[in-house]
Amino acid sequence: MKKLVFLAFLFLSITINAQDKKTTEKPQIVETACGECQFGMKGNSCDLAVRIDGKSYFVDGTTIDEHGDAHAKDGFCNTIRKAAVTGKIENNRYKVTTFTLVKSN
């Protein structure tokens, strides 16, 4: 009986641990800026966008204001920057999971 309980416990432990493992996406380096000001996208105000393979997408999951003053000299409305992102394109928008600006040299 002890062996049966032990085997059941072992099986449950292995099953639970296997379900907890998450795959991590490799970040992609993309251009990022204000979609309206820098990428010529149609919109109502200054909104964060990314450009992937020459196509621009508005971003969901972070905002333009979360990354500094958009209208500063180095802000998204005045310059195109690079970011390491993970996420997916859904309904012609980029659903960001992670968004990290890459420091320029």
Protein backbone atom coordinates (compact mmCIF):
# COMPACT_ATOMS: atom_id res chain seq x y z
CA MET A 1 0.00 0.00 0.00
CA LYS A 2 2.86 2.39 0.81
CA LYS A 3 4.34 1.80 -2.64
CA LEU A 4 1.02 2.59 -4.29
CA VAL A 5 0.66 5.86 -2.35
CA PHE A 6 4.26 6.76 -3.14
CA LEU A 7 3.79 6.07 -6.86
CA ALA A 8 0.56 8.10 -6.93
CA PHE A 9 2.32 11.01 -5.20
CA LEU A 10 5.27 10.78 -7.61
CA PHE A 11 2.96 10.73 -10.63
CA LEU A 12 1.04 13.79 -9.40
CA SER A 13 4.27 15.69 -8.68
CA ILE A 14 5.63 15.03 -12.15
CA THR A 15 2.33 16.01 -13.78
CA ILE A 16 2.04 19.27 -11.85
CA ASN A 17 5.65 20.26 -12.53
CA ALA A 18 5.28 19.55 -16.24
CA GLN A 19 2.31 21.91 -16.46
CA ASP A 20 4.13 24.78 -14.74
CA LYS A 21 6.88 25.02 -17.36
CA LYS A 22 6.45 27.99 -19.67
CA THR A 23 8.08 28.51 -23.00
CA THR A 24 9.81 31.83 -23.38
CA GLU A 25 9.71 33.80 -26.58
CA LYS A 26 12.92 35.20 -27.96
CA PRO A 27 12.70 39.01 -28.10
CA GLN A 28 12.61 40.57 -31.55
CA ILE A 29 14.31 43.91 -32.24
CA VAL A 30 11.86 46.27 -33.95
CA GLU A 31 11.57 49.95 -34.80
CA THR A 32 9.21 51.82 -32.50
CA ALA A 33 7.81 55.35 -32.52
CA CYS A 34 4.61 57.33 -32.57
CA GLY A 35 2.47 55.71 -35.25
CA GLU A 36 0.95 58.99 -36.41
CA CYS A 37 4.02 61.27 -36.18
CA GLN A 38 6.75 58.94 -37.47
CA PHE A 39 5.08 56.06 -39.34
CA GLY A 40 2.28 58.05 -41.04
CA MET A 41 -0.48 55.86 -39.60
CA LYS A 42 -4.03 57.16 -39.30
CA GLY A 43 -5.18 57.78 -35.73
CA ASN A 44 -6.67 60.28 -33.30
CA SER A 45 -3.67 61.10 -31.13
CA CYS A 46 -0.07 60.13 -30.50
CA ASP A 47 -0.01 56.34 -30.05
CA LEU A 48 2.86 53.88 -29.74
CA ALA A 49 3.52 51.69 -32.76
CA VAL A 50 6.10 49.16 -33.91
CA ARG A 51 7.35 48.44 -37.42
CA ILE A 52 7.99 44.79 -38.22
CA ASP A 53 9.22 43.73 -41.65
CA GLY A 54 8.25 47.13 -43.08
CA LYS A 55 4.66 47.06 -41.75
CA SER A 56 3.48 49.26 -38.87
CA TYR A 57 1.16 48.16 -36.07
CA PHE A 58 -0.30 50.05 -33.14
CA VAL A 59 0.68 48.48 -29.80
CA ASP A 60 -1.58 47.08 -27.10
CA GLY A 61 -0.12 46.25 -23.68
CA THR A 62 2.00 49.38 -23.15
CA THR A 63 1.50 53.04 -23.99
CA ILE A 64 3.58 55.83 -25.48
CA ASP A 65 3.61 57.66 -22.12
CA GLU A 66 5.10 54.70 -20.23
CA HIS A 67 8.44 55.28 -21.95
CA GLY A 68 9.17 58.96 -21.33
CA ASP A 69 8.01 62.22 -22.85
CA ALA A 70 6.88 61.46 -26.39
CA HIS A 71 7.52 65.07 -27.43
CA ALA A 72 11.05 65.32 -26.02
CA LYS A 73 13.99 65.56 -28.43
CA ASP A 74 14.49 61.77 -28.23
CA GLY A 75 10.78 61.00 -27.73
CA PHE A 76 8.68 58.75 -29.93
CA CYS A 77 7.03 61.66 -31.75
CA ASN A 78 10.41 63.05 -32.83
CA THR A 79 12.51 59.98 -33.50
CA ILE A 80 12.29 56.30 -34.35
CA ARG A 81 13.90 54.09 -31.72
CA LYS A 82 14.59 50.37 -31.33
CA ALA A 83 12.96 48.03 -28.82
CA ALA A 84 13.23 44.36 -27.91
CA VAL A 85 9.68 43.03 -27.91
CA THR A 86 7.76 39.81 -27.55
CA GLY A 87 4.14 39.38 -28.45
CA LYS A 88 1.96 38.64 -31.44
CA ILE A 89 0.08 40.37 -34.22
CA GLU A 90 -3.66 40.08 -33.65
CA ASN A 91 -6.42 41.97 -35.50
CA ASN A 92 -3.79 44.14 -37.22
CA ARG A 93 -2.41 45.31 -33.83
CA TYR A 94 0.69 44.16 -31.95
CA LYS A 95 -0.25 42.60 -28.60
CA VAL A 96 2.96 43.15 -26.65
CA THR A 97 4.05 40.78 -23.88
CA THR A 98 7.37 42.49 -23.19
CA PHE A 99 8.68 45.86 -24.42
CA THR A 100 12.21 47.05 -23.60
CA LEU A 101 13.84 50.04 -25.27
CA VAL A 102 17.30 49.36 -26.69
CA LYS A 103 19.84 52.04 -25.81
CA SER A 104 21.25 53.83 -28.82
CA ASN A 105 25.02 54.10 -29.22
